[in-house]
Amino acid sequence: MATAAKTLKPLEDRILVRPEEGEETTASGIVIPDTAKEKPQEGTVLAVGPGKRSETGDLIPMDVSEGDRVIYSKYGGTEIKSGGEDLLILSARDVLAIVV
């Protein structure tokens, strides 16, 4: 497990994700500069918050768990750097699917 996940605990319905690295080269071998790379939309869940409370006070459980590979909204979440890693904190509503 990454050290970043050990030091960061998401709150409510938030999720800590390590995004996949974007492609470095094209199929024909052309190197893609960082400024031209597509933002990744897939990553691995490192930590999960406890969930959000309903209006009646019941805890709504999270749909994802640590270790899940997820696809998320292209511009969702907050980018952070922790322990030298680029990570993303997403709200549960930004997660579009779990890769099975």
PDB file of N, CA and C in Angstrom:
ATOM      1  N   MET A   1       0.850  -1.186   0.000  1.00  0.00           N
ATOM      2  CA  MET A   1       0.000   0.000   0.000  1.00  0.00           C
ATOM      3  C   MET A   1       0.890   1.243   0.000  1.00  0.00           C
ATOM      4  N   ALA A   2       0.459   2.251  -0.700  1.00  0.00           N
ATOM      5  CA  ALA A   2       1.240   3.484  -0.813  1.00  0.00           C
ATOM      6  C   ALA A   2       1.260   4.236   0.513  1.00  0.00           C
ATOM      7  N   THR A   3       2.350   4.943   0.766  1.00  0.00           N
ATOM      8  CA  THR A   3       2.440   5.721   1.998  1.00  0.00           C
ATOM      9  C   THR A   3       1.433   6.854   2.002  1.00  0.00           C
ATOM     10  N   ALA A   4       1.077   7.372   0.832  1.00  0.00           N
ATOM     11  CA  ALA A   4       0.094   8.455   0.755  1.00  0.00           C
ATOM     12  C   ALA A   4      -1.250   7.996   1.309  1.00  0.00           C
ATOM     13  N   ALA A   5      -1.627   6.759   1.014  1.00  0.00           N
ATOM     14  CA  ALA A   5      -2.904   6.241   1.503  1.00  0.00           C
ATOM     15  C   ALA A   5      -2.884   6.076   3.019  1.00  0.00           C
ATOM     16  N   LYS A   6      -1.715   5.829   3.592  1.00  0.00           N
ATOM     17  CA  LYS A   6      -1.616   5.667   5.039  1.00  0.00           C
ATOM     18  C   LYS A   6      -1.711   7.004   5.766  1.00  0.00           C
ATOM     19  N   THR A   7      -1.364   8.095   5.086  1.00  0.00           N
ATOM     20  CA  THR A   7      -1.366   9.398   5.737  1.00  0.00           C
ATOM     21  C   THR A   7      -2.594  10.230   5.407  1.00  0.00           C
ATOM     22  N   LEU A   8      -3.368   9.834   4.419  1.00  0.00           N
ATOM     23  CA  LEU A   8      -4.561  10.580   4.027  1.00  0.00           C
ATOM     24  C   LEU A   8      -5.804   9.721   4.201  1.00  0.00           C
ATOM     25  N   LYS A   9      -6.788  10.228   4.904  1.00  0.00           N
ATOM     26  CA  LYS A   9      -8.063   9.535   5.091  1.00  0.00           C
ATOM     27  C   LYS A   9      -9.164  10.446   4.556  1.00  0.00           C
ATOM     28  N   PRO A  10      -9.777  10.082   3.432  1.00  0.00           N
ATOM     29  CA  PRO A  10     -10.839  10.922   2.873  1.00  0.00           C
ATOM     30  C   PRO A  10     -12.026  11.041   3.821  1.00  0.00           C
ATOM     31  N   LEU A  11     -12.703  12.170   3.767  1.00  0.00           N
ATOM     32  CA  LEU A  11     -13.886  12.422   4.581  1.00  0.00           C
ATOM     33  C   LEU A  11     -15.153  12.161   3.774  1.00  0.00           C
ATOM     34  N   GLU A  12     -16.235  11.886   4.485  1.00  0.00           N
ATOM     35  CA  GLU A  12     -17.563  11.668   3.906  1.00  0.00           C
ATOM     36  C   GLU A  12     -17.511  10.729   2.706  1.00  0.00           C
ATOM     37  N   ASP A  13     -18.009  11.192   1.547  1.00  0.00           N
ATOM     38  CA  ASP A  13     -18.097  10.316   0.375  1.00  0.00           C
ATOM     39  C   ASP A  13     -16.953  10.559  -0.607  1.00  0.00           C
ATOM     40  N   ARG A  14     -15.788  10.899  -0.079  1.00  0.00           N
ATOM     41  CA  ARG A  14     -14.646  11.168  -0.950  1.00  0.00           C
ATOM     42  C   ARG A  14     -13.732   9.948  -1.058  1.00  0.00           C
ATOM     43  N   ILE A  15     -12.990   9.910  -2.171  1.00  0.00           N
ATOM     44  CA  ILE A  15     -12.166   8.757  -2.513  1.00  0.00           C
ATOM     45  C   ILE A  15     -10.782   9.251  -2.929  1.00  0.00           C
ATOM     46  N   LEU A  16      -9.733   8.601  -2.446  1.00  0.00           N
ATOM     47  CA  LEU A  16      -8.363   8.916  -2.846  1.00  0.00           C
ATOM     48  C   LEU A  16      -7.957   7.948  -3.953  1.00  0.00           C
ATOM     49  N   VAL A  17      -7.556   8.495  -5.112  1.00  0.00           N
ATOM     50  CA  VAL A  17      -7.256   7.677  -6.294  1.00  0.00           C
ATOM     51  C   VAL A  17      -5.856   7.993  -6.810  1.00  0.00           C
ATOM     52  N   ARG A  18      -5.136   6.941  -7.225  1.00  0.00           N
ATOM     53  CA  ARG A  18      -3.868   7.116  -7.940  1.00  0.00           C
ATOM     54  C   ARG A  18      -4.199   6.978  -9.424  1.00  0.00           C
ATOM     55  N   PRO A  19      -4.155   8.096 -10.178  1.00  0.00           N
ATOM     56  CA  PRO A  19      -4.466   8.021 -11.609  1.00  0.00           C
ATOM     57  C   PRO A  19      -3.429   7.192 -12.358  1.00  0.00           C
ATOM     58  N   GLU A  20      -3.888   6.532 -13.431  1.00  0.00           N
ATOM     59  CA  GLU A  20      -2.964   5.821 -14.306  1.00  0.00           C
ATOM     60  C   GLU A  20      -2.136   6.833 -15.067  1.00  0.00           C
ATOM     61  N   GLU A  21      -0.922   6.457 -15.392  1.00  0.00           N
ATOM     62  CA  GLU A  21      -0.065   7.327 -16.199  1.00  0.00           C
ATOM     63  C   GLU A  21      -0.601   7.366 -17.623  1.00  0.00           C
ATOM     64  N   GLY A  22      -0.538   8.540 -18.253  1.00  0.00           N
ATOM     65  CA  GLY A  22      -0.944   8.678 -19.648  1.00  0.00           C
ATOM     66  C   GLY A  22       0.088   8.051 -20.567  1.00  0.00           C
ATOM     67  N   GLU A  23      -0.290   7.860 -21.811  1.00  0.00           N
ATOM     68  CA  GLU A  23       0.620   7.290 -22.800  1.00  0.00           C
ATOM     69  C   GLU A  23       1.814   8.216 -23.011  1.00  0.00           C
ATOM     70  N   GLU A  24       2.999   7.644 -23.067  1.00  0.00           N
ATOM     71  CA  GLU A  24       4.223   8.421 -23.291  1.00  0.00           C
ATOM     72  C   GLU A  24       4.531   8.579 -24.777  1.00  0.00           C
ATOM     73  N   THR A  25       4.158   7.555 -25.582  1.00  0.00           N
ATOM     74  CA  THR A  25       4.418   7.603 -27.020  1.00  0.00           C
ATOM     75  C   THR A  25       3.192   7.120 -27.777  1.00  0.00           C
ATOM     76  N   THR A  26       3.099   7.520 -29.040  1.00  0.00           N
ATOM     77  CA  THR A  26       2.006   7.054 -29.891  1.00  0.00           C
ATOM     78  C   THR A  26       2.358   5.676 -30.429  1.00  0.00           C
ATOM     79  N   ALA A  27       1.415   5.039 -31.124  1.00  0.00           N
ATOM     80  CA  ALA A  27       1.661   3.720 -31.705  1.00  0.00           C
ATOM     81  C   ALA A  27       2.790   3.768 -32.729  1.00  0.00           C
ATOM     82  N   SER A  28       2.976   4.916 -33.380  1.00  0.00           N
ATOM     83  CA  SER A  28       4.043   5.044 -34.382  1.00  0.00           C
ATOM     84  C   SER A  28       5.379   5.457 -33.765  1.00  0.00           C
ATOM     85  N   GLY A  29       5.428   5.643 -32.431  1.00  0.00           N
ATOM     86  CA  GLY A  29       6.679   5.931 -31.755  1.00  0.00           C
ATOM     87  C   GLY A  29       6.961   7.396 -31.478  1.00  0.00           C
ATOM     88  N   ILE A  30       6.005   8.279 -31.759  1.00  0.00           N
ATOM     89  CA  ILE A  30       6.198   9.700 -31.499  1.00  0.00           C
ATOM     90  C   ILE A  30       6.005   9.960 -30.010  1.00  0.00           C
ATOM     91  N   VAL A  31       6.958  10.674 -29.397  1.00  0.00           N
ATOM     92  CA  VAL A  31       6.877  10.992 -27.970  1.00  0.00           C
ATOM     93  C   VAL A  31       5.854  12.108 -27.764  1.00  0.00           C
ATOM     94  N   ILE A  32       4.939  11.893 -26.808  1.00  0.00           N
ATOM     95  CA  ILE A  32       3.898  12.877 -26.513  1.00  0.00           C
ATOM     96  C   ILE A  32       4.369  13.752 -25.353  1.00  0.00           C
ATOM     97  N   PRO A  33       4.462  15.088 -25.563  1.00  0.00           N
ATOM     98  CA  PRO A  33       4.862  15.960 -24.450  1.00  0.00           C
ATOM     99  C   PRO A  33       3.766  16.038 -23.392  1.00  0.00           C
ATOM    100  N   ASP A  34       4.152  16.370 -22.150  1.00  0.00           N
ATOM    101  CA  ASP A  34       3.190  16.447 -21.046  1.00  0.00           C
ATOM    102  C   ASP A  34       2.028  17.378 -21.356  1.00  0.00           C
ATOM    103  N   THR A  35       2.287  18.466 -22.070  1.00  0.00           N
ATOM    104  CA  THR A  35       1.235  19.450 -22.354  1.00  0.00           C
ATOM    105  C   THR A  35       0.193  18.927 -23.328  1.00  0.00           C
ATOM    106  N   ALA A  36       0.520  17.885 -24.097  1.00  0.00           N
ATOM    107  CA  ALA A  36      -0.416  17.356 -25.089  1.00  0.00           C
ATOM    108  C   ALA A  36      -1.096  16.064 -24.643  1.00  0.00           C
ATOM    109  N   LYS A  37      -0.719  15.543 -23.485  1.00  0.00           N
ATOM    110  CA  LYS A  37      -1.294  14.280 -23.013  1.00  0.00           C
ATOM    111  C   LYS A  37      -2.742  14.461 -22.585  1.00  0.00           C
ATOM    112  N   GLU A  38      -3.532  13.421 -22.833  1.00  0.00           N
ATOM    113  CA  GLU A  38      -4.913  13.389 -22.345  1.00  0.00           C
ATOM    114  C   GLU A  38      -4.893  13.198 -20.834  1.00  0.00           C
ATOM    115  N   LYS A  39      -5.840  13.838 -20.142  1.00  0.00           N
ATOM    116  CA  LYS A  39      -5.963  13.602 -18.703  1.00  0.00           C
ATOM    117  C   LYS A  39      -6.434  12.172 -18.484  1.00  0.00           C
ATOM    118  N   PRO A  40      -5.801  11.442 -17.567  1.00  0.00           N
ATOM    119  CA  PRO A  40      -6.266  10.072 -17.321  1.00  0.00           C
ATOM    120  C   PRO A  40      -7.664  10.080 -16.715  1.00  0.00           C
ATOM    121  N   GLN A  41      -8.428   9.042 -17.015  1.00  0.00           N
ATOM    122  CA  GLN A  41      -9.773   8.904 -16.466  1.00  0.00           C
ATOM    123  C   GLN A  41      -9.929   7.580 -15.740  1.00  0.00           C
ATOM    124  N   GLU A  42      -8.816   6.908 -15.505  1.00  0.00           N
ATOM    125  CA  GLU A  42      -8.858   5.621 -14.832  1.00  0.00           C
ATOM    126  C   GLU A  42      -7.769   5.593 -13.773  1.00  0.00           C
ATOM    127  N   GLY A  43      -8.062   4.932 -12.657  1.00  0.00           N
ATOM    128  CA  GLY A  43      -7.075   4.856 -11.598  1.00  0.00           C
ATOM    129  C   GLY A  43      -7.439   3.814 -10.559  1.00  0.00           C
ATOM    130  N   THR A  44      -6.573   3.690  -9.554  1.00  0.00           N
ATOM    131  CA  THR A  44      -6.756   2.721  -8.477  1.00  0.00           C
ATOM    132  C   THR A  44      -7.128   3.450  -7.195  1.00  0.00           C
ATOM    133  N   VAL A  45      -8.150   2.943  -6.512  1.00  0.00           N
ATOM    134  CA  VAL A  45      -8.612   3.535  -5.254  1.00  0.00           C
ATOM    135  C   VAL A  45      -7.629   3.159  -4.145  1.00  0.00           C
ATOM    136  N   LEU A  46      -7.078   4.183  -3.476  1.00  0.00           N
ATOM    137  CA  LEU A  46      -6.133   3.958  -2.379  1.00  0.00           C
ATOM    138  C   LEU A  46      -6.806   4.023  -1.015  1.00  0.00           C
ATOM    139  N   ALA A  47      -7.818   4.887  -0.877  1.00  0.00           N
ATOM    140  CA  ALA A  47      -8.522   5.037   0.401  1.00  0.00           C
ATOM    141  C   ALA A  47      -9.929   5.551   0.133  1.00  0.00           C
ATOM    142  N   VAL A  48     -10.846   5.208   1.028  1.00  0.00           N
ATOM    143  CA  VAL A  48     -12.261   5.556   0.874  1.00  0.00           C
ATOM    144  C   VAL A  48     -12.776   6.144   2.179  1.00  0.00           C
ATOM    145  N   GLY A  49     -13.544   7.219   2.073  1.00  0.00           N
ATOM    146  CA  GLY A  49     -14.183   7.803   3.244  1.00  0.00           C
ATOM    147  C   GLY A  49     -15.293   6.896   3.757  1.00  0.00           C
ATOM    148  N   PRO A  50     -15.852   7.206   4.920  1.00  0.00           N
ATOM    149  CA  PRO A  50     -16.875   6.352   5.519  1.00  0.00           C
ATOM    150  C   PRO A  50     -18.218   6.390   4.801  1.00  0.00           C
ATOM    151  N   GLY A  51     -18.481   7.423   4.027  1.00  0.00           N
ATOM    152  CA  GLY A  51     -19.770   7.578   3.351  1.00  0.00           C
ATOM    153  C   GLY A  51     -20.466   8.832   3.832  1.00  0.00           C
ATOM    154  N   LYS A  52     -21.532   9.173   3.169  1.00  0.00           N
ATOM    155  CA  LYS A  52     -22.282  10.384   3.495  1.00  0.00           C
ATOM    156  C   LYS A  52     -23.498  10.018   4.347  1.00  0.00           C
ATOM    157  N   ARG A  53     -23.960  10.948   5.127  1.00  0.00           N
ATOM    158  CA  ARG A  53     -25.158  10.729   5.948  1.00  0.00           C
ATOM    159  C   ARG A  53     -26.403  11.174   5.189  1.00  0.00           C
ATOM    160  N   SER A  54     -27.466  10.399   5.318  1.00  0.00           N
ATOM    161  CA  SER A  54     -28.745  10.772   4.710  1.00  0.00           C
ATOM    162  C   SER A  54     -29.413  11.834   5.583  1.00  0.00           C
ATOM    163  N   GLU A  55     -30.531  12.344   5.131  1.00  0.00           N
ATOM    164  CA  GLU A  55     -31.262  13.360   5.901  1.00  0.00           C
ATOM    165  C   GLU A  55     -31.736  12.823   7.247  1.00  0.00           C
ATOM    166  N   THR A  56     -31.921  11.505   7.333  1.00  0.00           N
ATOM    167  CA  THR A  56     -32.360  10.895   8.589  1.00  0.00           C
ATOM    168  C   THR A  56     -31.183  10.510   9.489  1.00  0.00           C
ATOM    169  N   GLY A  57     -29.951  10.734   9.001  1.00  0.00           N
ATOM    170  CA  GLY A  57     -28.774  10.443   9.810  1.00  0.00           C
ATOM    171  C   GLY A  57     -28.155   9.085   9.565  1.00  0.00           C
ATOM    172  N   ASP A  58     -28.764   8.284   8.685  1.00  0.00           N
ATOM    173  CA  ASP A  58     -28.201   6.971   8.375  1.00  0.00           C
ATOM    174  C   ASP A  58     -26.981   7.126   7.467  1.00  0.00           C
ATOM    175  N   LEU A  59     -25.979   6.283   7.684  1.00  0.00           N
ATOM    176  CA  LEU A  59     -24.775   6.307   6.864  1.00  0.00           C
ATOM    177  C   LEU A  59     -25.048   5.586   5.549  1.00  0.00           C
ATOM    178  N   ILE A  60     -24.819   6.274   4.439  1.00  0.00           N
ATOM    179  CA  ILE A  60     -24.995   5.675   3.115  1.00  0.00           C
ATOM    180  C   ILE A  60     -23.654   5.047   2.739  1.00  0.00           C
ATOM    181  N   PRO A  61     -23.601   3.721   2.583  1.00  0.00           N
ATOM    182  CA  PRO A  61     -22.321   3.058   2.316  1.00  0.00           C
ATOM    183  C   PRO A  61     -21.753   3.435   0.944  1.00  0.00           C
ATOM    184  N   MET A  62     -20.440   3.333   0.825  1.00  0.00           N
ATOM    185  CA  MET A  62     -19.752   3.644  -0.426  1.00  0.00           C
ATOM    186  C   MET A  62     -19.873   2.473  -1.399  1.00  0.00           C
ATOM    187  N   ASP A  63     -19.898   2.785  -2.688  1.00  0.00           N
ATOM    188  CA  ASP A  63     -19.979   1.756  -3.725  1.00  0.00           C
ATOM    189  C   ASP A  63     -18.613   1.184  -4.092  1.00  0.00           C
ATOM    190  N   VAL A  64     -17.549   1.900  -3.742  1.00  0.00           N
ATOM    191  CA  VAL A  64     -16.197   1.446  -4.086  1.00  0.00           C
ATOM    192  C   VAL A  64     -15.424   1.127  -2.815  1.00  0.00           C
ATOM    193  N   SER A  65     -14.359   0.348  -2.974  1.00  0.00           N
ATOM    194  CA  SER A  65     -13.504   0.032  -1.829  1.00  0.00           C
ATOM    195  C   SER A  65     -12.043   0.099  -2.263  1.00  0.00           C
ATOM    196  N   GLU A  66     -11.138   0.079  -1.289  1.00  0.00           N
ATOM    197  CA  GLU A  66      -9.706   0.152  -1.573  1.00  0.00           C
ATOM    198  C   GLU A  66      -9.308  -0.954  -2.540  1.00  0.00           C
ATOM    199  N   GLY A  67      -8.470  -0.602  -3.503  1.00  0.00           N
ATOM    200  CA  GLY A  67      -7.990  -1.581  -4.474  1.00  0.00           C
ATOM    201  C   GLY A  67      -8.807  -1.639  -5.751  1.00  0.00           C
ATOM    202  N   ASP A  68     -10.023  -1.094  -5.752  1.00  0.00           N
ATOM    203  CA  ASP A  68     -10.850  -1.085  -6.966  1.00  0.00           C
ATOM    204  C   ASP A  68     -10.201  -0.217  -8.033  1.00  0.00           C
ATOM    205  N   ARG A  69     -10.340  -0.639  -9.288  1.00  0.00           N
ATOM    206  CA  ARG A  69      -9.946   0.213 -10.417  1.00  0.00           C
ATOM    207  C   ARG A  69     -11.213   0.903 -10.894  1.00  0.00           C
ATOM    208  N   VAL A  70     -11.152   2.224 -11.019  1.00  0.00           N
ATOM    209  CA  VAL A  70     -12.344   2.996 -11.354  1.00  0.00           C
ATOM    210  C   VAL A  70     -12.111   3.884 -12.569  1.00  0.00           C
ATOM    211  N   ILE A  71     -13.203   4.209 -13.239  1.00  0.00           N
ATOM    212  CA  ILE A  71     -13.223   5.210 -14.301  1.00  0.00           C
ATOM    213  C   ILE A  71     -13.969   6.393 -13.724  1.00  0.00           C
ATOM    214  N   TYR A  72     -13.400   7.586 -13.879  1.00  0.00           N
ATOM    215  CA  TYR A  72     -13.992   8.769 -13.265  1.00  0.00           C
ATOM    216  C   TYR A  72     -14.126   9.897 -14.275  1.00  0.00           C
ATOM    217  N   SER A  73     -14.902  10.893 -13.898  1.00  0.00           N
ATOM    218  CA  SER A  73     -15.152  12.061 -14.729  1.00  0.00           C
ATOM    219  C   SER A  73     -13.836  12.741 -15.093  1.00  0.00           C
ATOM    220  N   LYS A  74     -13.708  13.156 -16.338  1.00  0.00           N
ATOM    221  CA  LYS A  74     -12.457  13.717 -16.854  1.00  0.00           C
ATOM    222  C   LYS A  74     -11.959  14.916 -16.054  1.00  0.00           C
ATOM    223  N   TYR A  75     -12.856  15.791 -15.653  1.00  0.00           N
ATOM    224  CA  TYR A  75     -12.438  16.999 -14.942  1.00  0.00           C
ATOM    225  C   TYR A  75     -12.912  17.016 -13.492  1.00  0.00           C
ATOM    226  N   GLY A  76     -13.273  15.854 -12.956  1.00  0.00           N
ATOM    227  CA  GLY A  76     -13.727  15.774 -11.576  1.00  0.00           C
ATOM    228  C   GLY A  76     -12.556  15.695 -10.610  1.00  0.00           C
ATOM    229  N   GLY A  77     -12.812  16.043  -9.369  1.00  0.00           N
ATOM    230  CA  GLY A  77     -11.829  15.858  -8.316  1.00  0.00           C
ATOM    231  C   GLY A  77     -10.839  16.987  -8.150  1.00  0.00           C
ATOM    232  N   THR A  78     -10.001  16.818  -7.133  1.00  0.00           N
ATOM    233  CA  THR A  78      -8.959  17.784  -6.793  1.00  0.00           C
ATOM    234  C   THR A  78      -7.614  17.082  -6.866  1.00  0.00           C
ATOM    235  N   GLU A  79      -6.705  17.624  -7.671  1.00  0.00           N
ATOM    236  CA  GLU A  79      -5.372  17.044  -7.801  1.00  0.00           C
ATOM    237  C   GLU A  79      -4.509  17.478  -6.618  1.00  0.00           C
ATOM    238  N   ILE A  80      -3.811  16.506  -6.021  1.00  0.00           N
ATOM    239  CA  ILE A  80      -2.901  16.804  -4.911  1.00  0.00           C
ATOM    240  C   ILE A  80      -1.591  16.055  -5.135  1.00  0.00           C
ATOM    241  N   LYS A  81      -0.574  16.437  -4.389  1.00  0.00           N
ATOM    242  CA  LYS A  81       0.703  15.731  -4.409  1.00  0.00           C
ATOM    243  C   LYS A  81       0.983  15.318  -2.968  1.00  0.00           C
ATOM    244  N   SER A  82       1.243  14.032  -2.751  1.00  0.00           N
ATOM    245  CA  SER A  82       1.517  13.528  -1.411  1.00  0.00           C
ATOM    246  C   SER A  82       2.576  12.439  -1.505  1.00  0.00           C
ATOM    247  N   GLY A  83       3.622  12.579  -0.723  1.00  0.00           N
ATOM    248  CA  GLY A  83       4.691  11.582  -0.740  1.00  0.00           C
ATOM    249  C   GLY A  83       5.349  11.452  -2.101  1.00  0.00           C
ATOM    250  N   GLY A  84       5.391  12.539  -2.869  1.00  0.00           N
ATOM    251  CA  GLY A  84       5.997  12.508  -4.198  1.00  0.00           C
ATOM    252  C   GLY A  84       5.103  11.932  -5.275  1.00  0.00           C
ATOM    253  N   GLU A  85       3.874  11.570  -4.922  1.00  0.00           N
ATOM    254  CA  GLU A  85       2.934  10.991  -5.882  1.00  0.00           C
ATOM    255  C   GLU A  85       1.871  12.005  -6.262  1.00  0.00           C
ATOM    256  N   ASP A  86       1.450  11.968  -7.526  1.00  0.00           N
ATOM    257  CA  ASP A  86       0.305  12.757  -7.965  1.00  0.00           C
ATOM    258  C   ASP A  86      -0.941  11.933  -7.693  1.00  0.00           C
ATOM    259  N   LEU A  87      -1.845  12.463  -6.872  1.00  0.00           N
ATOM    260  CA  LEU A  87      -3.066  11.761  -6.494  1.00  0.00           C
ATOM    261  C   LEU A  87      -4.269  12.635  -6.789  1.00  0.00           C
ATOM    262  N   LEU A  88      -5.443  12.052  -6.639  1.00  0.00           N
ATOM    263  CA  LEU A  88      -6.688  12.735  -6.919  1.00  0.00           C
ATOM    264  C   LEU A  88      -7.682  12.412  -5.813  1.00  0.00           C
ATOM    265  N   ILE A  89      -8.351  13.441  -5.296  1.00  0.00           N
ATOM    266  CA  ILE A  89      -9.435  13.219  -4.339  1.00  0.00           C
ATOM    267  C   ILE A  89     -10.734  13.481  -5.085  1.00  0.00           C
ATOM    268  N   LEU A  90     -11.563  12.444  -5.179  1.00  0.00           N
ATOM    269  CA  LEU A  90     -12.823  12.510  -5.914  1.00  0.00           C
ATOM    270  C   LEU A  90     -13.999  12.388  -4.973  1.00  0.00           C
ATOM    271  N   SER A  91     -15.102  12.985  -5.362  1.00  0.00           N
ATOM    272  CA  SER A  91     -16.368  12.735  -4.692  1.00  0.00           C
ATOM    273  C   SER A  91     -16.929  11.448  -5.302  1.00  0.00           C
ATOM    274  N   ALA A  92     -17.708  10.704  -4.559  1.00  0.00           N
ATOM    275  CA  ALA A  92     -18.269   9.451  -5.064  1.00  0.00           C
ATOM    276  C   ALA A  92     -19.069   9.671  -6.346  1.00  0.00           C
ATOM    277  N   ARG A  93     -19.697  10.829  -6.484  1.00  0.00           N
ATOM    278  CA  ARG A  93     -20.507  11.079  -7.687  1.00  0.00           C
ATOM    279  C   ARG A  93     -19.655  11.268  -8.942  1.00  0.00           C
ATOM    280  N   ASP A  94     -18.330  11.514  -8.772  1.00  0.00           N
ATOM    281  CA  ASP A  94     -17.433  11.645  -9.924  1.00  0.00           C
ATOM    282  C   ASP A  94     -16.991  10.293 -10.478  1.00  0.00           C
ATOM    283  N   VAL A  95     -17.211   9.215  -9.730  1.00  0.00           N
ATOM    284  CA  VAL A  95     -16.850   7.876 -10.196  1.00  0.00           C
ATOM    285  C   VAL A  95     -17.967   7.376 -11.105  1.00  0.00           C
ATOM    286  N   LEU A  96     -17.584   7.018 -12.335  1.00  0.00           N
ATOM    287  CA  LEU A  96     -18.565   6.594 -13.328  1.00  0.00           C
ATOM    288  C   LEU A  96     -18.750   5.083 -13.366  1.00  0.00           C
ATOM    289  N   ALA A  97     -17.666   4.323 -13.090  1.00  0.00           N
ATOM    290  CA  ALA A  97     -17.753   2.865 -13.166  1.00  0.00           C
ATOM    291  C   ALA A  97     -16.592   2.228 -12.417  1.00  0.00           C
ATOM    292  N   ILE A  98     -16.802   0.976 -12.020  1.00  0.00           N
ATOM    293  CA  ILE A  98     -15.742   0.146 -11.446  1.00  0.00           C
ATOM    294  C   ILE A  98     -15.330  -0.840 -12.532  1.00  0.00           C
ATOM    295  N   VAL A  99     -14.020  -0.949 -12.783  1.00  0.00           N
ATOM    296  CA  VAL A  99     -13.517  -1.885 -13.787  1.00  0.00           C
ATOM    297  C   VAL A  99     -13.442  -3.262 -13.138  1.00  0.00           C
ATOM    298  N   VAL A 100     -14.157  -4.240 -13.717  1.00  0.00           N
ATOM    299  CA  VAL A 100     -14.175  -5.596 -13.151  1.00  0.00           C
ATOM    300  C   VAL A 100     -13.443  -6.575 -14.037  1.00  0.00           C
TER     301      VAL A 100
END
